[in-house]
Amino acid sequence: SLRQIHAHIIDSSDHNVYNNAQLTMLLIRLYLQMGDTESATQIWNNNETLKCADDAQHWNMFLQSYIACEHDKNGAYVFALLDEMMRVYHIDPDSNTFIILCKFCADCFLIHYG
């Protein structure tokens, strides 16, 4: 199972696996694809390295993966993430962020947010 693979990666690593942004984002994406938003969100929320990046790249990847799993049709969590990105971490959305959010709003009939 994914949890066993996740545990094996952590156990076999000589350093904090969550400092590897690519591996961490892969784990998050896999958890989301399997429908385990709780585990994916927990990894994301506990990883300041990803959230404090200089640009919106990791935020965009998390948003896009989360949205792709269609777990948040009302937009509450998606827009809370956007708010956190800008207000707490002072990361400006880029053009990809806007495309992701506009597509999400259109797909979920949330144009009044966009």
PDB file of N, CA and C in Angstrom:
ATOM      1  N   SER A   1       0.835  -1.187   0.000  1.00  0.00           N
ATOM      2  CA  SER A   1       0.000   0.000   0.000  1.00  0.00           C
ATOM      3  C   SER A   1       0.881   1.253   0.000  1.00  0.00           C
ATOM      4  N   LEU A   2       0.267   2.371  -0.293  1.00  0.00           N
ATOM      5  CA  LEU A   2       1.014   3.631  -0.338  1.00  0.00           C
ATOM      6  C   LEU A   2       1.590   3.970   1.029  1.00  0.00           C
ATOM      7  N   ARG A   3       0.846   3.695   2.090  1.00  0.00           N
ATOM      8  CA  ARG A   3       1.362   3.973   3.437  1.00  0.00           C
ATOM      9  C   ARG A   3       2.628   3.158   3.740  1.00  0.00           C
ATOM     10  N   GLN A   4       2.677   1.914   3.262  1.00  0.00           N
ATOM     11  CA  GLN A   4       3.862   1.084   3.474  1.00  0.00           C
ATOM     12  C   GLN A   4       5.049   1.634   2.688  1.00  0.00           C
ATOM     13  N   ILE A   5       4.795   2.045   1.450  1.00  0.00           N
ATOM     14  CA  ILE A   5       5.859   2.649   0.643  1.00  0.00           C
ATOM     15  C   ILE A   5       6.351   3.937   1.301  1.00  0.00           C
ATOM     16  N   HIS A   6       5.422   4.749   1.764  1.00  0.00           N
ATOM     17  CA  HIS A   6       5.742   6.001   2.442  1.00  0.00           C
ATOM     18  C   HIS A   6       6.620   5.709   3.664  1.00  0.00           C
ATOM     19  N   ALA A   7       6.224   4.743   4.487  1.00  0.00           N
ATOM     20  CA  ALA A   7       7.000   4.380   5.682  1.00  0.00           C
ATOM     21  C   ALA A   7       8.379   3.862   5.298  1.00  0.00           C
ATOM     22  N   HIS A   8       8.468   3.077   4.235  1.00  0.00           N
ATOM     23  CA  HIS A   8       9.757   2.552   3.788  1.00  0.00           C
ATOM     24  C   HIS A   8      10.681   3.683   3.335  1.00  0.00           C
ATOM     25  N   ILE A   9      10.140   4.644   2.621  1.00  0.00           N
ATOM     26  CA  ILE A   9      10.942   5.791   2.176  1.00  0.00           C
ATOM     27  C   ILE A   9      11.493   6.547   3.375  1.00  0.00           C
ATOM     28  N   ILE A  10      10.648   6.754   4.367  1.00  0.00           N
ATOM     29  CA  ILE A  10      11.086   7.476   5.566  1.00  0.00           C
ATOM     30  C   ILE A  10      12.132   6.672   6.326  1.00  0.00           C
ATOM     31  N   ASP A  11      11.893   5.373   6.491  1.00  0.00           N
ATOM     32  CA  ASP A  11      12.818   4.516   7.234  1.00  0.00           C
ATOM     33  C   ASP A  11      14.165   4.358   6.544  1.00  0.00           C
ATOM     34  N   SER A  12      14.172   4.334   5.216  1.00  0.00           N
ATOM     35  CA  SER A  12      15.415   4.097   4.481  1.00  0.00           C
ATOM     36  C   SER A  12      16.198   5.367   4.192  1.00  0.00           C
ATOM     37  N   SER A  13      15.666   6.502   4.564  1.00  0.00           N
ATOM     38  CA  SER A  13      16.328   7.767   4.272  1.00  0.00           C
ATOM     39  C   SER A  13      17.265   8.162   5.414  1.00  0.00           C
ATOM     40  N   ASP A  14      18.450   8.653   5.054  1.00  0.00           N
ATOM     41  CA  ASP A  14      19.423   9.108   6.046  1.00  0.00           C
ATOM     42  C   ASP A  14      19.124  10.514   6.544  1.00  0.00           C
ATOM     43  N   HIS A  15      18.219  11.206   5.868  1.00  0.00           N
ATOM     44  CA  HIS A  15      17.900  12.577   6.230  1.00  0.00           C
ATOM     45  C   HIS A  15      16.388  12.764   6.175  1.00  0.00           C
ATOM     46  N   ASN A  16      15.942  13.923   6.517  1.00  0.00           N
ATOM     47  CA  ASN A  16      14.509  14.210   6.506  1.00  0.00           C
ATOM     48  C   ASN A  16      13.994  14.185   5.072  1.00  0.00           C
ATOM     49  N   VAL A  17      13.199  13.175   4.768  1.00  0.00           N
ATOM     50  CA  VAL A  17      12.688  12.995   3.417  1.00  0.00           C
ATOM     51  C   VAL A  17      11.850  14.192   2.970  1.00  0.00           C
ATOM     52  N   TYR A  18      11.262  14.904   3.909  1.00  0.00           N
ATOM     53  CA  TYR A  18      10.405  16.027   3.556  1.00  0.00           C
ATOM     54  C   TYR A  18      11.193  17.254   3.116  1.00  0.00           C
ATOM     55  N   ASN A  19      12.519  17.205   3.222  1.00  0.00           N
ATOM     56  CA  ASN A  19      13.343  18.277   2.669  1.00  0.00           C
ATOM     57  C   ASN A  19      13.543  18.099   1.165  1.00  0.00           C
ATOM     58  N   ASN A  20      13.156  16.961   0.634  1.00  0.00           N
ATOM     59  CA  ASN A  20      13.226  16.701  -0.804  1.00  0.00           C
ATOM     60  C   ASN A  20      11.876  17.089  -1.393  1.00  0.00           C
ATOM     61  N   ALA A  21      11.823  18.252  -2.004  1.00  0.00           N
ATOM     62  CA  ALA A  21      10.549  18.798  -2.492  1.00  0.00           C
ATOM     63  C   ALA A  21       9.899  17.899  -3.535  1.00  0.00           C
ATOM     64  N   GLN A  22      10.688  17.352  -4.452  1.00  0.00           N
ATOM     65  CA  GLN A  22      10.110  16.511  -5.507  1.00  0.00           C
ATOM     66  C   GLN A  22       9.484  15.248  -4.928  1.00  0.00           C
ATOM     67  N   LEU A  23      10.171  14.611  -4.005  1.00  0.00           N
ATOM     68  CA  LEU A  23       9.651  13.393  -3.391  1.00  0.00           C
ATOM     69  C   LEU A  23       8.411  13.692  -2.552  1.00  0.00           C
ATOM     70  N   THR A  24       8.446  14.786  -1.839  1.00  0.00           N
ATOM     71  CA  THR A  24       7.299  15.164  -1.011  1.00  0.00           C
ATOM     72  C   THR A  24       6.082  15.466  -1.878  1.00  0.00           C
ATOM     73  N   MET A  25       6.273  16.206  -2.954  1.00  0.00           N
ATOM     74  CA  MET A  25       5.151  16.512  -3.843  1.00  0.00           C
ATOM     75  C   MET A  25       4.620  15.241  -4.509  1.00  0.00           C
ATOM     76  N   LEU A  26       5.502  14.303  -4.822  1.00  0.00           N
ATOM     77  CA  LEU A  26       5.063  13.034  -5.390  1.00  0.00           C
ATOM     78  C   LEU A  26       4.188  12.275  -4.390  1.00  0.00           C
ATOM     79  N   LEU A  27       4.611  12.213  -3.137  1.00  0.00           N
ATOM     80  CA  LEU A  27       3.799  11.546  -2.108  1.00  0.00           C
ATOM     81  C   LEU A  27       2.439  12.218  -1.961  1.00  0.00           C
ATOM     82  N   ILE A  28       2.426  13.527  -1.933  1.00  0.00           N
ATOM     83  CA  ILE A  28       1.171  14.269  -1.817  1.00  0.00           C
ATOM     84  C   ILE A  28       0.260  13.953  -2.996  1.00  0.00           C
ATOM     85  N   ARG A  29       0.813  14.005  -4.192  1.00  0.00           N
ATOM     86  CA  ARG A  29       0.017  13.732  -5.398  1.00  0.00           C
ATOM     87  C   ARG A  29      -0.529  12.303  -5.386  1.00  0.00           C
ATOM     88  N   LEU A  30       0.290  11.337  -4.965  1.00  0.00           N
ATOM     89  CA  LEU A  30      -0.174   9.943  -4.901  1.00  0.00           C
ATOM     90  C   LEU A  30      -1.298   9.774  -3.891  1.00  0.00           C
ATOM     91  N   TYR A  31      -1.145  10.381  -2.724  1.00  0.00           N
ATOM     92  CA  TYR A  31      -2.220  10.303  -1.723  1.00  0.00           C
ATOM     93  C   TYR A  31      -3.512  10.916  -2.263  1.00  0.00           C
ATOM     94  N   LEU A  32      -3.393  12.043  -2.935  1.00  0.00           N
ATOM     95  CA  LEU A  32      -4.588  12.690  -3.489  1.00  0.00           C
ATOM     96  C   LEU A  32      -5.225  11.831  -4.580  1.00  0.00           C
ATOM     97  N   GLN A  33      -4.406  11.239  -5.438  1.00  0.00           N
ATOM     98  CA  GLN A  33      -4.946  10.395  -6.497  1.00  0.00           C
ATOM     99  C   GLN A  33      -5.659   9.175  -5.932  1.00  0.00           C
ATOM    100  N   MET A  34      -5.238   8.726  -4.764  1.00  0.00           N
ATOM    101  CA  MET A  34      -5.891   7.585  -4.130  1.00  0.00           C
ATOM    102  C   MET A  34      -7.089   8.010  -3.289  1.00  0.00           C
ATOM    103  N   GLY A  35      -7.349   9.307  -3.253  1.00  0.00           N
ATOM    104  CA  GLY A  35      -8.499   9.814  -2.516  1.00  0.00           C
ATOM    105  C   GLY A  35      -8.236  10.065  -1.048  1.00  0.00           C
ATOM    106  N   ASP A  36      -6.978   9.980  -0.630  1.00  0.00           N
ATOM    107  CA  ASP A  36      -6.637  10.185   0.782  1.00  0.00           C
ATOM    108  C   ASP A  36      -6.211  11.636   0.990  1.00  0.00           C
ATOM    109  N   THR A  37      -7.202  12.517   0.983  1.00  0.00           N
ATOM    110  CA  THR A  37      -6.899  13.942   1.133  1.00  0.00           C
ATOM    111  C   THR A  37      -6.357  14.264   2.517  1.00  0.00           C
ATOM    112  N   GLU A  38      -6.752  13.486   3.513  1.00  0.00           N
ATOM    113  CA  GLU A  38      -6.280  13.746   4.879  1.00  0.00           C
ATOM    114  C   GLU A  38      -4.763  13.580   4.980  1.00  0.00           C
ATOM    115  N   SER A  39      -4.229  12.478   4.459  1.00  0.00           N
ATOM    116  CA  SER A  39      -2.777  12.259   4.500  1.00  0.00           C
ATOM    117  C   SER A  39      -2.035  13.286   3.652  1.00  0.00           C
ATOM    118  N   ALA A  40      -2.547  13.551   2.457  1.00  0.00           N
ATOM    119  CA  ALA A  40      -1.902  14.531   1.581  1.00  0.00           C
ATOM    120  C   ALA A  40      -1.882  15.907   2.223  1.00  0.00           C
ATOM    121  N   THR A  41      -3.005  16.302   2.791  1.00  0.00           N
ATOM    122  CA  THR A  41      -3.095  17.616   3.433  1.00  0.00           C
ATOM    123  C   THR A  41      -2.208  17.684   4.662  1.00  0.00           C
ATOM    124  N   GLN A  42      -2.104  16.592   5.404  1.00  0.00           N
ATOM    125  CA  GLN A  42      -1.247  16.563   6.585  1.00  0.00           C
ATOM    126  C   GLN A  42       0.223  16.748   6.192  1.00  0.00           C
ATOM    127  N   ILE A  43       0.655  16.053   5.141  1.00  0.00           N
ATOM    128  CA  ILE A  43       2.038  16.223   4.676  1.00  0.00           C
ATOM    129  C   ILE A  43       2.262  17.666   4.232  1.00  0.00           C
ATOM    130  N   TRP A  44       1.309  18.212   3.466  1.00  0.00           N
ATOM    131  CA  TRP A  44       1.426  19.590   2.990  1.00  0.00           C
ATOM    132  C   TRP A  44       1.480  20.573   4.157  1.00  0.00           C
ATOM    133  N   ASN A  45       0.557  20.434   5.095  1.00  0.00           N
ATOM    134  CA  ASN A  45       0.476  21.380   6.210  1.00  0.00           C
ATOM    135  C   ASN A  45       1.697  21.336   7.118  1.00  0.00           C
ATOM    136  N   ASN A  46       2.372  20.204   7.180  1.00  0.00           N
ATOM    137  CA  ASN A  46       3.533  20.062   8.053  1.00  0.00           C
ATOM    138  C   ASN A  46       4.859  20.306   7.339  1.00  0.00           C
ATOM    139  N   ASN A  47       4.814  20.816   6.117  1.00  0.00           N
ATOM    140  CA  ASN A  47       6.031  21.008   5.354  1.00  0.00           C
ATOM    141  C   ASN A  47       6.250  22.481   5.049  1.00  0.00           C
ATOM    142  N   GLU A  48       6.927  23.141   5.936  1.00  0.00           N
ATOM    143  CA  GLU A  48       7.202  24.572   5.766  1.00  0.00           C
ATOM    144  C   GLU A  48       8.165  24.830   4.613  1.00  0.00           C
ATOM    145  N   THR A  49       9.028  23.855   4.303  1.00  0.00           N
ATOM    146  CA  THR A  49       9.977  24.029   3.205  1.00  0.00           C
ATOM    147  C   THR A  49       9.253  24.273   1.892  1.00  0.00           C
ATOM    148  N   LEU A  50       8.216  23.486   1.629  1.00  0.00           N
ATOM    149  CA  LEU A  50       7.453  23.666   0.393  1.00  0.00           C
ATOM    150  C   LEU A  50       6.684  24.977   0.406  1.00  0.00           C
ATOM    151  N   LYS A  51       6.076  25.270   1.545  1.00  0.00           N
ATOM    152  CA  LYS A  51       5.198  26.433   1.627  1.00  0.00           C
ATOM    153  C   LYS A  51       5.959  27.754   1.611  1.00  0.00           C
ATOM    154  N   CYS A  52       7.219  27.725   2.003  1.00  0.00           N
ATOM    155  CA  CYS A  52       8.013  28.959   2.084  1.00  0.00           C
ATOM    156  C   CYS A  52       8.874  29.197   0.846  1.00  0.00           C
ATOM    157  N   ALA A  53       8.639  28.446  -0.200  1.00  0.00           N
ATOM    158  CA  ALA A  53       9.415  28.627  -1.434  1.00  0.00           C
ATOM    159  C   ALA A  53       9.256  30.055  -1.945  1.00  0.00           C
ATOM    160  N   ASP A  54      10.169  30.465  -2.786  1.00  0.00           N
ATOM    161  CA  ASP A  54      10.174  31.835  -3.293  1.00  0.00           C
ATOM    162  C   ASP A  54       9.093  32.117  -4.323  1.00  0.00           C
ATOM    163  N   ASP A  55       8.513  31.063  -4.884  1.00  0.00           N
ATOM    164  CA  ASP A  55       7.508  31.274  -5.919  1.00  0.00           C
ATOM    165  C   ASP A  55       6.299  30.367  -5.660  1.00  0.00           C
ATOM    166  N   ALA A  56       5.366  30.421  -6.549  1.00  0.00           N
ATOM    167  CA  ALA A  56       4.098  29.714  -6.364  1.00  0.00           C
ATOM    168  C   ALA A  56       4.111  28.287  -6.907  1.00  0.00           C
ATOM    169  N   GLN A  57       5.237  27.798  -7.381  1.00  0.00           N
ATOM    170  CA  GLN A  57       5.295  26.508  -8.055  1.00  0.00           C
ATOM    171  C   GLN A  57       4.728  25.364  -7.205  1.00  0.00           C
ATOM    172  N   HIS A  58       5.185  25.209  -5.976  1.00  0.00           N
ATOM    173  CA  HIS A  58       4.700  24.114  -5.131  1.00  0.00           C
ATOM    174  C   HIS A  58       3.232  24.311  -4.762  1.00  0.00           C
ATOM    175  N   TRP A  59       2.850  25.539  -4.507  1.00  0.00           N
ATOM    176  CA  TRP A  59       1.454  25.835  -4.212  1.00  0.00           C
ATOM    177  C   TRP A  59       0.578  25.454  -5.400  1.00  0.00           C
ATOM    178  N   ASN A  60       1.022  25.801  -6.597  1.00  0.00           N
ATOM    179  CA  ASN A  60       0.269  25.467  -7.804  1.00  0.00           C
ATOM    180  C   ASN A  60       0.136  23.951  -7.971  1.00  0.00           C
ATOM    181  N   MET A  61       1.218  23.228  -7.724  1.00  0.00           N
ATOM    182  CA  MET A  61       1.170  21.773  -7.863  1.00  0.00           C
ATOM    183  C   MET A  61       0.197  21.164  -6.856  1.00  0.00           C
ATOM    184  N   PHE A  62       0.218  21.670  -5.617  1.00  0.00           N
ATOM    185  CA  PHE A  62      -0.707  21.143  -4.614  1.00  0.00           C
ATOM    186  C   PHE A  62      -2.146  21.502  -4.973  1.00  0.00           C
ATOM    187  N   LEU A  63      -2.370  22.750  -5.325  1.00  0.00           N
ATOM    188  CA  LEU A  63      -3.724  23.169  -5.713  1.00  0.00           C
ATOM    189  C   LEU A  63      -4.245  22.339  -6.881  1.00  0.00           C
ATOM    190  N   GLN A  64      -3.429  22.205  -7.910  1.00  0.00           N
ATOM    191  CA  GLN A  64      -3.864  21.478  -9.094  1.00  0.00           C
ATOM    192  C   GLN A  64      -4.139  20.007  -8.770  1.00  0.00           C
ATOM    193  N   SER A  65      -3.288  19.384  -7.977  1.00  0.00           N
ATOM    194  CA  SER A  65      -3.502  17.984  -7.599  1.00  0.00           C
ATOM    195  C   SER A  65      -4.745  17.827  -6.737  1.00  0.00           C
ATOM    196  N   TYR A  66      -4.920  18.751  -5.805  1.00  0.00           N
ATOM    197  CA  TYR A  66      -6.088  18.687  -4.922  1.00  0.00           C
ATOM    198  C   TYR A  66      -7.377  18.866  -5.729  1.00  0.00           C
ATOM    199  N   ILE A  67      -7.382  19.841  -6.607  1.00  0.00           N
ATOM    200  CA  ILE A  67      -8.557  20.119  -7.437  1.00  0.00           C
ATOM    201  C   ILE A  67      -8.847  18.941  -8.361  1.00  0.00           C
ATOM    202  N   ALA A  68      -7.800  18.334  -8.924  1.00  0.00           N
ATOM    203  CA  ALA A  68      -7.984  17.211  -9.851  1.00  0.00           C
ATOM    204  C   ALA A  68      -8.707  16.045  -9.195  1.00  0.00           C
ATOM    205  N   CYS A  69      -8.576  15.940  -7.901  1.00  0.00           N
ATOM    206  CA  CYS A  69      -9.237  14.844  -7.182  1.00  0.00           C
ATOM    207  C   CYS A  69     -10.695  15.151  -6.886  1.00  0.00           C
ATOM    208  N   GLU A  70     -11.105  16.372  -7.191  1.00  0.00           N
ATOM    209  CA  GLU A  70     -12.502  16.788  -7.085  1.00  0.00           C
ATOM    210  C   GLU A  70     -13.091  16.567  -5.701  1.00  0.00           C
ATOM    211  N   HIS A  71     -12.332  16.903  -4.692  1.00  0.00           N
ATOM    212  CA  HIS A  71     -12.817  16.725  -3.327  1.00  0.00           C
ATOM    213  C   HIS A  71     -13.426  17.986  -2.734  1.00  0.00           C
ATOM    214  N   ASP A  72     -13.328  19.084  -3.436  1.00  0.00           N
ATOM    215  CA  ASP A  72     -13.755  20.355  -2.839  1.00  0.00           C
ATOM    216  C   ASP A  72     -14.561  21.159  -3.847  1.00  0.00           C
ATOM    217  N   LYS A  73     -15.750  20.725  -4.112  1.00  0.00           N
ATOM    218  CA  LYS A  73     -16.565  21.391  -5.133  1.00  0.00           C
ATOM    219  C   LYS A  73     -17.064  22.772  -4.712  1.00  0.00           C
ATOM    220  N   ASN A  74     -17.083  23.062  -3.400  1.00  0.00           N
ATOM    221  CA  ASN A  74     -17.560  24.383  -2.997  1.00  0.00           C
ATOM    222  C   ASN A  74     -16.441  25.413  -2.925  1.00  0.00           C
ATOM    223  N   GLY A  75     -15.214  24.982  -3.046  1.00  0.00           N
ATOM    224  CA  GLY A  75     -14.093  25.901  -3.124  1.00  0.00           C
ATOM    225  C   GLY A  75     -13.544  26.393  -1.807  1.00  0.00           C
ATOM    226  N   ALA A  76     -14.128  26.008  -0.694  1.00  0.00           N
ATOM    227  CA  ALA A  76     -13.702  26.552   0.597  1.00  0.00           C
ATOM    228  C   ALA A  76     -12.219  26.298   0.868  1.00  0.00           C
ATOM    229  N   TYR A  77     -11.773  25.069   0.725  1.00  0.00           N
ATOM    230  CA  TYR A  77     -10.379  24.752   1.029  1.00  0.00           C
ATOM    231  C   TYR A  77      -9.443  25.350  -0.015  1.00  0.00           C
ATOM    232  N   VAL A  78      -9.838  25.298  -1.254  1.00  0.00           N
ATOM    233  CA  VAL A  78      -9.000  25.841  -2.330  1.00  0.00           C
ATOM    234  C   VAL A  78      -8.745  27.327  -2.108  1.00  0.00           C
ATOM    235  N   PHE A  79      -9.795  28.069  -1.773  1.00  0.00           N
ATOM    236  CA  PHE A  79      -9.619  29.507  -1.561  1.00  0.00           C
ATOM    237  C   PHE A  79      -8.948  29.814  -0.230  1.00  0.00           C
ATOM    238  N   ALA A  80      -9.083  28.926   0.753  1.00  0.00           N
ATOM    239  CA  ALA A  80      -8.339  29.084   2.003  1.00  0.00           C
ATOM    240  C   ALA A  80      -6.842  28.907   1.738  1.00  0.00           C
ATOM    241  N   LEU A  81      -6.491  27.958   0.864  1.00  0.00           N
ATOM    242  CA  LEU A  81      -5.085  27.776   0.486  1.00  0.00           C
ATOM    243  C   LEU A  81      -4.531  29.014  -0.210  1.00  0.00           C
ATOM    244  N   LEU A  82      -5.297  29.553  -1.119  1.00  0.00           N
ATOM    245  CA  LEU A  82      -4.873  30.755  -1.828  1.00  0.00           C
ATOM    246  C   LEU A  82      -4.654  31.910  -0.847  1.00  0.00           C
ATOM    247  N   ASP A  83      -5.561  32.050   0.089  1.00  0.00           N
ATOM    248  CA  ASP A  83      -5.444  33.093   1.104  1.00  0.00           C
ATOM    249  C   ASP A  83      -4.194  32.886   1.958  1.00  0.00           C
ATOM    250  N   GLU A  84      -3.946  31.640   2.362  1.00  0.00           N
ATOM    251  CA  GLU A  84      -2.758  31.330   3.159  1.00  0.00           C
ATOM    252  C   GLU A  84      -1.488  31.628   2.371  1.00  0.00           C
ATOM    253  N   MET A  85      -1.485  31.234   1.114  1.00  0.00           N
ATOM    254  CA  MET A  85      -0.330  31.466   0.251  1.00  0.00           C
ATOM    255  C   MET A  85       0.035  32.948   0.210  1.00  0.00           C
ATOM    256  N   MET A  86      -0.977  33.796   0.050  1.00  0.00           N
ATOM    257  CA  MET A  86      -0.719  35.233  -0.106  1.00  0.00           C
ATOM    258  C   MET A  86      -0.528  35.947   1.226  1.00  0.00           C
ATOM    259  N   ARG A  87      -1.376  35.672   2.206  1.00  0.00           N
ATOM    260  CA  ARG A  87      -1.334  36.444   3.458  1.00  0.00           C
ATOM    261  C   ARG A  87      -0.303  35.942   4.457  1.00  0.00           C
ATOM    262  N   VAL A  88      -0.190  34.629   4.588  1.00  0.00           N
ATOM    263  CA  VAL A  88       0.721  34.072   5.587  1.00  0.00           C
ATOM    264  C   VAL A  88       2.141  33.954   5.045  1.00  0.00           C
ATOM    265  N   TYR A  89       2.266  33.450   3.814  1.00  0.00           N
ATOM    266  CA  TYR A  89       3.591  33.188   3.252  1.00  0.00           C
ATOM    267  C   TYR A  89       4.054  34.261   2.279  1.00  0.00           C
ATOM    268  N   HIS A  90       3.204  35.236   2.005  1.00  0.00           N
ATOM    269  CA  HIS A  90       3.545  36.377   1.151  1.00  0.00           C
ATOM    270  C   HIS A  90       4.074  35.948  -0.219  1.00  0.00           C
ATOM    271  N   ILE A  91       3.442  34.930  -0.783  1.00  0.00           N
ATOM    272  CA  ILE A  91       3.800  34.458  -2.114  1.00  0.00           C
ATOM    273  C   ILE A  91       2.718  34.927  -3.071  1.00  0.00           C
ATOM    274  N   ASP A  92       3.144  35.631  -4.089  1.00  0.00           N
ATOM    275  CA  ASP A  92       2.195  36.140  -5.077  1.00  0.00           C
ATOM    276  C   ASP A  92       1.786  35.034  -6.037  1.00  0.00           C
ATOM    277  N   PRO A  93       0.498  34.950  -6.328  1.00  0.00           N
ATOM    278  CA  PRO A  93       0.066  33.992  -7.348  1.00  0.00           C
ATOM    279  C   PRO A  93       0.681  34.374  -8.686  1.00  0.00           C
ATOM    280  N   ASP A  94       0.971  33.379  -9.496  1.00  0.00           N
ATOM    281  CA  ASP A  94       1.485  33.664 -10.830  1.00  0.00           C
ATOM    282  C   ASP A  94       0.400  33.349 -11.860  1.00  0.00           C
ATOM    283  N   SER A  95       0.753  33.439 -13.117  1.00  0.00           N
ATOM    284  CA  SER A  95      -0.248  33.206 -14.162  1.00  0.00           C
ATOM    285  C   SER A  95      -0.801  31.781 -14.093  1.00  0.00           C
ATOM    286  N   ASN A  96       0.039  30.815 -13.717  1.00  0.00           N
ATOM    287  CA  ASN A  96      -0.442  29.435 -13.589  1.00  0.00           C
ATOM    288  C   ASN A  96      -1.477  29.310 -12.471  1.00  0.00           C
ATOM    289  N   THR A  97      -1.271  30.023 -11.375  1.00  0.00           N
ATOM    290  CA  THR A  97      -2.232  30.003 -10.273  1.00  0.00           C
ATOM    291  C   THR A  97      -3.590  30.487 -10.756  1.00  0.00           C
ATOM    292  N   PHE A  98      -3.588  31.574 -11.507  1.00  0.00           N
ATOM    293  CA  PHE A  98      -4.852  32.126 -12.004  1.00  0.00           C
ATOM    294  C   PHE A  98      -5.539  31.181 -12.988  1.00  0.00           C
ATOM    295  N   ILE A  99      -4.758  30.533 -13.823  1.00  0.00           N
ATOM    296  CA  ILE A  99      -5.341  29.567 -14.764  1.00  0.00           C
ATOM    297  C   ILE A  99      -5.964  28.395 -13.999  1.00  0.00           C
ATOM    298  N   ILE A 100      -5.242  27.878 -13.008  1.00  0.00           N
ATOM    299  CA  ILE A 100      -5.757  26.772 -12.189  1.00  0.00           C
ATOM    300  C   ILE A 100      -7.061  27.174 -11.512  1.00  0.00           C
ATOM    301  N   LEU A 101      -7.077  28.365 -10.913  1.00  0.00           N
ATOM    302  CA  LEU A 101      -8.268  28.812 -10.180  1.00  0.00           C
ATOM    303  C   LEU A 101      -9.437  29.134 -11.108  1.00  0.00           C
ATOM    304  N   CYS A 102      -9.155  29.750 -12.249  1.00  0.00           N
ATOM    305  CA  CYS A 102     -10.234  30.059 -13.197  1.00  0.00           C
ATOM    306  C   CYS A 102     -10.857  28.786 -13.747  1.00  0.00           C
ATOM    307  N   LYS A 103     -10.023  27.800 -14.060  1.00  0.00           N
ATOM    308  CA  LYS A 103     -10.543  26.521 -14.542  1.00  0.00           C
ATOM    309  C   LYS A 103     -11.379  25.858 -13.452  1.00  0.00           C
ATOM    310  N   PHE A 104     -10.888  25.890 -12.222  1.00  0.00           N
ATOM    311  CA  PHE A 104     -11.623  25.306 -11.100  1.00  0.00           C
ATOM    312  C   PHE A 104     -12.987  25.983 -10.940  1.00  0.00           C
ATOM    313  N   CYS A 105     -12.999  27.301 -10.970  1.00  0.00           N
ATOM    314  CA  CYS A 105     -14.257  28.042 -10.820  1.00  0.00           C
ATOM    315  C   CYS A 105     -15.226  27.714 -11.948  1.00  0.00           C
ATOM    316  N   ALA A 106     -14.721  27.637 -13.161  1.00  0.00           N
ATOM    317  CA  ALA A 106     -15.583  27.324 -14.302  1.00  0.00           C
ATOM    318  C   ALA A 106     -16.127  25.900 -14.197  1.00  0.00           C
ATOM    319  N   ASP A 107     -15.266  24.954 -13.843  1.00  0.00           N
ATOM    320  CA  ASP A 107     -15.682  23.557 -13.743  1.00  0.00           C
ATOM    321  C   ASP A 107     -16.706  23.330 -12.644  1.00  0.00           C
ATOM    322  N   CYS A 108     -16.621  24.128 -11.591  1.00  0.00           N
ATOM    323  CA  CYS A 108     -17.508  23.942 -10.433  1.00  0.00           C
ATOM    324  C   CYS A 108     -18.627  24.988 -10.388  1.00  0.00           C
ATOM    325  N   PHE A 109     -18.756  25.749 -11.467  1.00  0.00           N
ATOM    326  CA  PHE A 109     -19.780  26.793 -11.544  1.00  0.00           C
ATOM    327  C   PHE A 109     -19.634  27.799 -10.398  1.00  0.00           C
ATOM    328  N   LEU A 110     -18.396  28.164 -10.107  1.00  0.00           N
ATOM    329  CA  LEU A 110     -18.102  29.134  -9.042  1.00  0.00           C
ATOM    330  C   LEU A 110     -17.572  30.433  -9.643  1.00  0.00           C
ATOM    331  N   ILE A 111     -18.086  30.817 -10.773  1.00  0.00           N
ATOM    332  CA  ILE A 111     -17.583  31.999 -11.478  1.00  0.00           C
ATOM    333  C   ILE A 111     -17.671  33.257 -10.605  1.00  0.00           C
ATOM    334  N   HIS A 112     -18.621  33.315  -9.684  1.00  0.00           N
ATOM    335  CA  HIS A 112     -18.731  34.490  -8.820  1.00  0.00           C
ATOM    336  C   HIS A 112     -17.497  34.676  -7.940  1.00  0.00           C
ATOM    337  N   TYR A 113     -16.700  33.603  -7.702  1.00  0.00           N
ATOM    338  CA  TYR A 113     -15.446  33.735  -6.961  1.00  0.00           C
ATOM    339  C   TYR A 113     -14.342  34.272  -7.858  1.00  0.00           C
ATOM    340  N   GLY A 114     -14.356  33.851  -9.113  1.00  0.00           N
ATOM    341  CA  GLY A 114     -13.281  34.194 -10.049  1.00  0.00           C
ATOM    342  C   GLY A 114     -13.305  35.647 -10.403  1.00  0.00           C
TER     343      GLY A 114
END
